[in-house]
Amino acid sequence: MACLIIVQAIYDGFRTGVEEKLLAQTAHIKIDVEKPTAVSGKLVEEAFARIEGVDSVAPVSFHSSVVVKDGKSGYGLLRVDYGERNPGSEVSIGSELGKNLGVGVGETIRVMVEGADGEAKEGQLKVTEIVKTGLFEYDSQLIRIDSDVFGKTFEIPNPVPTSYVVGLENPLDVISTAGEIRKIAGPGYTVVDWRNANRPLFEALRLERRIAFVVFAVMIFLASLGVAATLALLVNERRMDVAILRACGAAGSSLKLMFLFEGILIGLAGIVFGVILGYLLCFLGNSLGLVNLPGEIYSISQIELEPGFSSTLLIAGGALIVILPSIFFPISKLTKYNPAELFRAG
């Protein structure tokens, strides 16, 4: 019980943590333009902003880059923002990227990107901000700069956005809103919502949860055999009492109900203890920060366990359903006892 509750709490906590960070740091919907121009881009941006449920539309462009600092190099995903940004954040890099390169605020990095003509362009950027999103993929790669800084640094006159990042009023309505955007955009535009973009991550998580549930379901089945063994020993120990009661005229059904009630109490005691233990371990895990994950694999490095009430009820109900059949087997032997033979043997 406790193990299943912890597995469910880890899954719910991981899913919630990843979704919150993804929705806070990434586009709810990303639209890539096949042939971007400054004039058409402005019209398209205004058209997308009028769609119901759309909260914001920001023009951006993404460029693969190589970042160099004091002999150390790394891969960077250069995001160019064409909207207004807060002063002091003209050039920001992810915390992990800065850590790997040994870069701090105020220091200069050398960045190389591919120009429109296919030739490599190189420029010096002064880091004004280091950002930590909590998502390893972004913290280890992302570089954000203003379009003005981008154009001046890499000598690209009048750069135009190649993508649009769309923010929604309700991110959970992303499927319907993405469908509306596809209808308006037509050919030449690729629309990707945050769920499809991160589908492999969530599918892998579901697979891990299913495997863990199968393993711990087998453990519950083995525990139910323990309940059956305990009840069988109890019936065997009280066979003389059963013989006396049968000789006094007690009905076999009444005796079965008595032992059935006792078996259910044993099962319920185990379930209640497992629930309490599971919630206690979740509380301790959250208080002490015990659940740490490798960020380069799971995107986030720490999760908060979230044992849900509805999932706990389902787990407890499933455990009780598994335990009940194991109770009936030893009880079925009660009616097979012959009082005369038991008195003769005793």
Protein backbone atom coordinates (compact mmCIF):
# COMPACT_ATOMS: atom_id res chain seq x y z
CA MET A 1 0.00 0.00 0.00
CA ALA A 2 2.63 2.49 1.09
CA CYS A 3 4.76 1.70 -1.97
CA LEU A 4 1.85 2.19 -4.38
CA ILE A 5 0.90 5.50 -2.75
CA ILE A 6 4.50 6.71 -3.03
CA VAL A 7 4.69 5.63 -6.69
CA GLN A 8 1.47 7.53 -7.47
CA ALA A 9 2.68 10.55 -5.47
CA ILE A 10 5.98 10.60 -7.39
CA TYR A 11 4.16 10.39 -10.73
CA ASP A 12 1.68 13.16 -9.86
CA GLY A 13 4.41 15.35 -8.38
CA PHE A 14 6.70 14.86 -11.36
CA ARG A 15 3.92 15.54 -13.86
CA THR A 16 2.79 18.67 -11.99
CA GLY A 17 6.36 19.94 -11.60
CA VAL A 18 7.24 19.41 -15.25
CA GLU A 19 3.97 20.92 -16.50
CA GLU A 20 4.30 24.00 -14.28
CA LYS A 21 7.87 24.65 -15.39
CA LEU A 22 7.09 23.94 -19.04
CA LEU A 23 4.08 26.25 -19.02
CA ALA A 24 6.00 28.98 -17.20
CA GLN A 25 9.13 28.87 -19.36
CA THR A 26 8.08 27.61 -22.79
CA ALA A 27 5.58 28.57 -25.44
CA HIS A 28 2.10 27.12 -25.07
CA ILE A 29 2.02 27.06 -28.87
CA LYS A 30 4.96 27.61 -31.24
CA ILE A 31 4.38 28.63 -34.84
CA ASP A 32 7.23 28.28 -37.35
CA VAL A 33 7.07 30.33 -40.56
CA GLU A 34 8.43 28.84 -43.78
CA LYS A 35 9.06 32.15 -45.61
CA PRO A 36 9.07 35.01 -43.09
CA THR A 37 8.88 38.68 -44.10
CA ALA A 38 8.56 41.81 -41.98
CA VAL A 39 5.24 42.94 -43.54
CA SER A 40 3.45 39.58 -43.57
CA GLY A 41 4.80 38.82 -40.11
CA LYS A 42 3.07 41.82 -38.56
CA LEU A 43 -0.26 40.94 -40.19
CA VAL A 44 0.00 37.31 -39.11
CA GLU A 45 0.86 38.33 -35.55
CA GLU A 46 -2.25 40.52 -35.35
CA ALA A 47 -4.42 37.74 -36.81
CA PHE A 48 -3.21 35.20 -34.24
CA ALA A 49 -3.75 37.67 -31.37
CA ARG A 50 -7.47 37.97 -32.26
CA ILE A 51 -8.13 34.24 -31.76
CA GLU A 52 -10.27 33.47 -28.72
CA GLY A 53 -8.22 32.13 -25.81
CA VAL A 54 -4.93 33.68 -26.99
CA ASP A 55 -3.33 35.86 -24.32
CA SER A 56 -0.15 36.95 -26.10
CA VAL A 57 1.77 36.51 -29.35
CA ALA A 58 5.51 37.21 -29.42
CA PRO A 59 7.71 37.12 -32.55
CA VAL A 60 10.99 35.26 -32.05
CA SER A 61 13.67 33.39 -33.97
CA PHE A 62 15.89 30.50 -32.92
CA HIS A 63 19.47 29.89 -34.04
CA SER A 64 21.86 27.06 -33.23
CA SER A 65 25.13 28.46 -31.94
CA VAL A 66 28.52 27.63 -30.47
CA VAL A 67 29.45 29.49 -27.28
CA VAL A 68 33.09 29.97 -26.29
CA LYS A 69 34.58 31.35 -23.07
CA ASP A 70 38.26 31.08 -22.02
CA GLY A 71 38.90 27.93 -24.05
CA LYS A 72 35.65 26.26 -22.96
CA SER A 73 32.91 25.76 -25.52
CA GLY A 74 29.35 24.49 -25.57
CA TYR A 75 26.19 24.31 -27.64
CA GLY A 76 23.71 27.14 -27.27
CA LEU A 77 20.20 27.70 -28.57
CA LEU A 78 20.06 31.41 -29.36
CA ARG A 79 16.57 32.88 -28.96
CA VAL A 80 16.08 36.34 -30.45
CA ASP A 81 13.17 38.35 -28.98
CA TYR A 82 11.61 41.00 -31.20
CA GLY A 83 9.36 42.44 -28.51
CA GLU A 84 10.30 44.71 -25.63
CA ARG A 85 12.31 43.19 -22.77
CA ASN A 86 13.12 44.50 -19.32
CA PRO A 87 16.23 46.70 -19.09
CA GLY A 88 19.23 44.74 -17.90
CA SER A 89 18.12 41.48 -19.52
CA GLU A 90 19.29 42.14 -23.09
CA VAL A 91 21.57 39.09 -23.00
CA SER A 92 20.62 36.25 -20.65
CA ILE A 93 21.94 32.69 -20.50
CA GLY A 94 20.83 29.54 -18.70
CA SER A 95 22.36 28.80 -15.31
CA GLU A 96 23.79 25.41 -16.32
CA LEU A 97 25.34 26.85 -19.49
CA GLY A 98 26.91 29.63 -17.45
CA LYS A 99 28.17 27.12 -14.90
CA ASN A 100 29.73 24.88 -17.56
CA LEU A 101 31.49 27.81 -19.22
CA GLY A 102 32.38 29.59 -15.99
CA VAL A 103 30.47 32.73 -16.99
CA GLY A 104 29.06 35.32 -14.60
CA VAL A 105 27.00 38.49 -14.98
CA GLY A 106 29.03 41.24 -16.66
CA GLU A 107 31.41 38.85 -18.42
CA THR A 108 31.74 38.45 -22.18
CA ILE A 109 31.16 35.33 -24.26
CA ARG A 110 31.96 34.64 -27.90
CA VAL A 111 29.05 33.29 -29.94
CA MET A 112 29.09 31.85 -33.46
CA VAL A 113 25.90 31.47 -35.51
CA GLU A 114 25.05 30.69 -39.11
CA GLY A 115 24.13 33.74 -41.17
CA ALA A 116 21.47 33.99 -43.87
CA ASP A 117 24.11 33.36 -46.54
CA GLY A 118 25.20 30.13 -44.86
CA GLU A 119 28.48 31.54 -43.58
CA ALA A 120 29.39 31.52 -39.90
CA LYS A 121 29.09 34.84 -38.11
CA GLU A 122 30.84 35.58 -34.84
CA GLY A 123 30.16 38.18 -32.18
CA GLN A 124 30.91 39.17 -28.59
CA LEU A 125 28.02 39.30 -26.11
CA LYS A 126 28.11 40.74 -22.60
CA VAL A 127 26.01 38.65 -20.22
CA THR A 128 23.51 40.82 -18.33
CA GLU A 129 21.45 38.09 -16.66
CA ILE A 130 21.71 34.42 -15.68
CA VAL A 131 18.37 32.62 -15.63
CA LYS A 132 17.41 29.41 -13.86
CA THR A 133 14.15 27.88 -15.10
CA GLY A 134 14.45 24.53 -13.33
CA LEU A 135 14.33 22.70 -16.67
CA PHE A 136 17.76 21.26 -17.47
CA GLU A 137 17.22 21.32 -21.24
CA TYR A 138 16.74 25.10 -21.19
CA ASP A 139 19.19 25.96 -18.42
CA SER A 140 21.99 24.13 -20.25
CA GLN A 141 21.39 25.61 -23.73
CA LEU A 142 19.28 28.75 -23.82
CA ILE A 143 20.67 32.18 -24.72
CA ARG A 144 18.17 35.05 -25.06
CA ILE A 145 18.99 38.38 -26.68
CA ASP A 146 17.13 41.38 -28.10
CA SER A 147 16.70 41.66 -31.85
CA ASP A 148 18.60 44.98 -31.84
CA VAL A 149 21.55 43.38 -30.04
CA PHE A 150 21.39 40.41 -32.41
CA GLY A 151 21.42 42.57 -35.54
CA LYS A 152 24.29 44.78 -34.37
CA THR A 153 26.43 41.96 -32.97
CA PHE A 154 26.22 39.68 -35.99
CA GLU A 155 25.86 42.43 -38.62
CA ILE A 156 22.45 41.27 -39.77
CA PRO A 157 20.42 44.31 -40.90
CA ASN A 158 16.69 44.25 -40.15
CA PRO A 159 16.38 40.66 -38.90
CA VAL A 160 12.87 39.22 -39.14
CA PRO A 161 11.22 36.66 -36.83
CA THR A 162 10.95 33.10 -38.07
CA SER A 163 8.59 31.88 -35.34
CA TYR A 164 5.86 33.05 -32.99
CA VAL A 165 5.36 31.93 -29.41
CA VAL A 166 1.75 32.03 -28.29
CA GLY A 167 0.62 32.29 -24.68
CA LEU A 168 -2.87 31.07 -23.79
CA GLU A 169 -5.29 32.21 -21.11
CA ASN A 170 -5.88 28.55 -20.25
CA PRO A 171 -2.97 26.29 -21.32
CA LEU A 172 -5.17 23.19 -20.94
CA ASP A 173 -7.25 24.36 -23.93
CA VAL A 174 -4.20 24.11 -26.15
CA ILE A 175 -5.63 21.47 -28.51
CA SER A 176 -8.69 23.49 -29.58
CA THR A 177 -6.76 26.77 -29.81
CA ALA A 178 -3.97 25.14 -31.84
CA GLY A 179 -6.63 23.82 -34.21
CA GLU A 180 -8.02 27.33 -34.73
CA ILE A 181 -4.53 28.67 -35.40
CA ARG A 182 -3.90 25.95 -38.00
CA LYS A 183 -7.11 26.91 -39.82
CA ILE A 184 -6.11 30.58 -39.97
CA ALA A 185 -2.42 29.98 -40.72
CA GLY A 186 -2.85 27.58 -43.61
CA PRO A 187 0.14 26.18 -45.55
CA GLY A 188 3.59 27.53 -44.89
CA TYR A 189 3.15 27.47 -41.11
CA THR A 190 3.96 24.68 -38.68
CA VAL A 191 1.98 24.75 -35.42
CA VAL A 192 3.24 22.73 -32.44
CA ASP A 193 1.57 22.83 -29.01
CA TRP A 194 3.36 22.17 -25.72
CA ARG A 195 1.79 18.72 -25.25
CA ASN A 196 2.93 17.40 -28.62
CA ALA A 197 6.36 18.98 -28.20
CA ASN A 198 6.88 17.12 -24.92
CA ARG A 199 4.97 13.93 -25.75
CA PRO A 200 8.03 11.60 -25.48
CA LEU A 201 8.70 12.82 -21.94
CA PHE A 202 5.15 12.19 -20.73
CA GLU A 203 4.90 8.86 -22.57
CA ALA A 204 8.12 7.66 -20.90
CA LEU A 205 6.74 8.74 -17.54
CA ARG A 206 3.49 6.82 -18.09
CA LEU A 207 5.45 3.70 -19.04
CA GLU A 208 7.57 3.94 -15.88
CA ARG A 209 4.45 4.32 -13.76
CA ARG A 210 2.78 1.28 -15.34
CA ILE A 211 5.85 -0.87 -14.73
CA ALA A 212 6.06 0.29 -11.11
CA PHE A 213 2.35 -0.41 -10.61
CA VAL A 214 2.71 -3.94 -11.95
CA VAL A 215 5.63 -4.63 -9.60
CA PHE A 216 3.86 -3.31 -6.53
CA ALA A 217 0.56 -4.96 -7.51
CA VAL A 218 2.41 -8.27 -7.35
CA MET A 219 3.61 -7.24 -3.89
CA ILE A 220 0.00 -6.61 -2.82
CA PHE A 221 -0.98 -10.03 -4.18
CA LEU A 222 1.78 -11.64 -2.12
CA ALA A 223 0.60 -9.68 0.91
CA SER A 224 -2.92 -11.03 0.34
CA LEU A 225 -1.47 -14.54 0.49
CA GLY A 226 -0.06 -13.56 3.88
CA VAL A 227 -3.56 -12.59 5.01
CA ALA A 228 -4.85 -15.95 3.76
CA ALA A 229 -2.10 -17.81 5.64
CA THR A 230 -2.82 -15.86 8.84
CA LEU A 231 -6.52 -16.62 8.60
CA ALA A 232 -5.85 -20.30 7.81
CA LEU A 233 -3.72 -20.60 10.96
CA LEU A 234 -6.45 -18.86 12.94
CA VAL A 235 -9.09 -21.27 11.67
CA ASN A 236 -6.84 -24.25 12.41
CA GLU A 237 -6.12 -23.03 15.95
CA ARG A 238 -9.81 -22.60 16.71
CA ARG A 239 -11.05 -25.80 15.16
CA MET A 240 -12.03 -27.17 18.61
CA ASP A 241 -14.01 -24.00 19.30
CA VAL A 242 -15.66 -24.45 15.93
CA ALA A 243 -16.49 -28.06 16.76
CA ILE A 244 -18.08 -27.05 20.08
CA LEU A 245 -20.13 -24.33 18.43
CA ARG A 246 -21.23 -26.69 15.66
CA ALA A 247 -22.22 -29.31 18.27
CA CYS A 248 -24.26 -26.66 20.08
CA GLY A 249 -26.19 -25.99 16.90
CA ALA A 250 -24.33 -22.99 15.47
CA ALA A 251 -24.90 -22.62 11.75
CA GLY A 252 -21.91 -22.89 9.43
CA SER A 253 -22.88 -19.62 7.74
CA SER A 254 -22.70 -17.78 11.07
CA LEU A 255 -19.21 -19.14 11.72
CA LYS A 256 -18.13 -18.15 8.22
CA LEU A 257 -19.38 -14.60 8.76
CA MET A 258 -17.47 -14.38 12.03
CA PHE A 259 -14.16 -15.40 10.44
CA LEU A 260 -14.90 -13.33 7.33
CA PHE A 261 -15.32 -10.27 9.53
CA GLU A 262 -12.03 -11.04 11.26
CA GLY A 263 -10.25 -11.47 7.92
CA ILE A 264 -11.63 -8.18 6.64
CA LEU A 265 -10.42 -6.47 9.83
CA ILE A 266 -6.92 -7.85 9.25
CA GLY A 267 -6.96 -6.62 5.66
CA LEU A 268 -8.33 -3.19 6.60
CA ALA A 269 -5.74 -2.83 9.35
CA GLY A 270 -3.00 -3.47 6.79
CA ILE A 271 -4.55 -1.00 4.33
CA VAL A 272 -4.95 1.75 6.95
CA PHE A 273 -1.40 1.21 8.18
CA GLY A 274 -0.11 1.30 4.59
CA VAL A 275 -1.97 4.55 3.84
CA ILE A 276 -0.67 6.23 7.00
CA LEU A 277 2.87 5.02 6.30
CA GLY A 278 2.67 6.15 2.66
CA TYR A 279 1.49 9.66 3.58
CA LEU A 280 4.08 9.89 6.36
CA LEU A 281 6.90 8.93 3.99
CA CYS A 282 5.64 11.45 1.42
CA PHE A 283 5.63 14.17 4.09
CA LEU A 284 9.16 13.28 5.19
CA GLY A 285 10.34 13.13 1.58
CA ASN A 286 9.00 16.62 0.88
CA SER A 287 10.32 18.07 4.16
CA LEU A 288 13.83 16.70 3.70
CA GLY A 289 13.96 17.01 -0.10
CA LEU A 290 14.83 13.34 -0.52
CA VAL A 291 13.52 12.82 -4.06
CA ASN A 292 16.29 14.10 -6.32
CA LEU A 293 16.60 13.20 -10.00
CA PRO A 294 19.37 13.67 -12.58
CA GLY A 295 18.24 16.82 -14.38
CA GLU A 296 19.90 15.88 -17.67
CA ILE A 297 17.59 12.85 -17.91
CA TYR A 298 14.32 13.93 -16.27
CA SER A 299 14.39 17.68 -17.09
CA ILE A 300 13.85 18.63 -13.42
CA SER A 301 16.20 17.85 -10.55
CA GLN A 302 13.77 17.74 -7.62
CA ILE A 303 10.10 16.91 -7.29
CA GLU A 304 7.49 17.24 -4.58
CA LEU A 305 5.49 14.13 -3.71
CA GLU A 306 1.74 14.67 -4.16
CA PRO A 307 -0.37 11.80 -2.76
CA GLY A 308 -3.86 12.43 -4.13
CA PHE A 309 -7.01 11.55 -2.21
CA SER A 310 -8.81 10.01 -5.20
CA SER A 311 -5.80 7.90 -6.22
CA THR A 312 -5.39 6.72 -2.61
CA LEU A 313 -9.03 5.59 -2.56
CA LEU A 314 -8.53 3.68 -5.82
CA ILE A 315 -5.39 1.99 -4.50
CA ALA A 316 -7.06 1.08 -1.19
CA GLY A 317 -10.16 -0.24 -2.98
CA GLY A 318 -8.03 -2.30 -5.35
CA ALA A 319 -6.07 -3.75 -2.44
CA LEU A 320 -9.29 -4.73 -0.67
CA ILE A 321 -10.62 -6.39 -3.83
CA VAL A 322 -7.40 -8.41 -4.13
CA ILE A 323 -7.47 -9.41 -0.45
CA LEU A 324 -11.13 -10.54 -0.29
CA PRO A 325 -10.73 -13.71 -2.43
CA SER A 326 -7.79 -14.79 -0.26
CA ILE A 327 -10.04 -14.57 2.80
CA PHE A 328 -12.70 -16.93 1.44
CA PHE A 329 -10.33 -19.85 0.83
CA PRO A 330 -9.50 -20.68 4.49
CA ILE A 331 -13.07 -19.90 5.57
CA SER A 332 -14.46 -22.45 3.12
CA LYS A 333 -12.86 -25.23 5.20
CA LEU A 334 -15.04 -24.46 8.23
CA THR A 335 -18.00 -26.48 7.00
CA LYS A 336 -15.74 -29.47 6.25
CA TYR A 337 -14.84 -29.98 9.89
CA ASN A 338 -16.72 -32.93 11.46
CA PRO A 339 -17.35 -32.16 15.17
CA ALA A 340 -17.31 -35.88 16.14
CA GLU A 341 -13.91 -36.45 14.50
CA LEU A 342 -12.49 -33.31 16.10
CA PHE A 343 -13.67 -34.42 19.59
CA ARG A 344 -12.22 -37.89 19.02
CA ALA A 345 -8.87 -36.40 17.84
CA GLY A 346 -8.81 -33.84 20.66
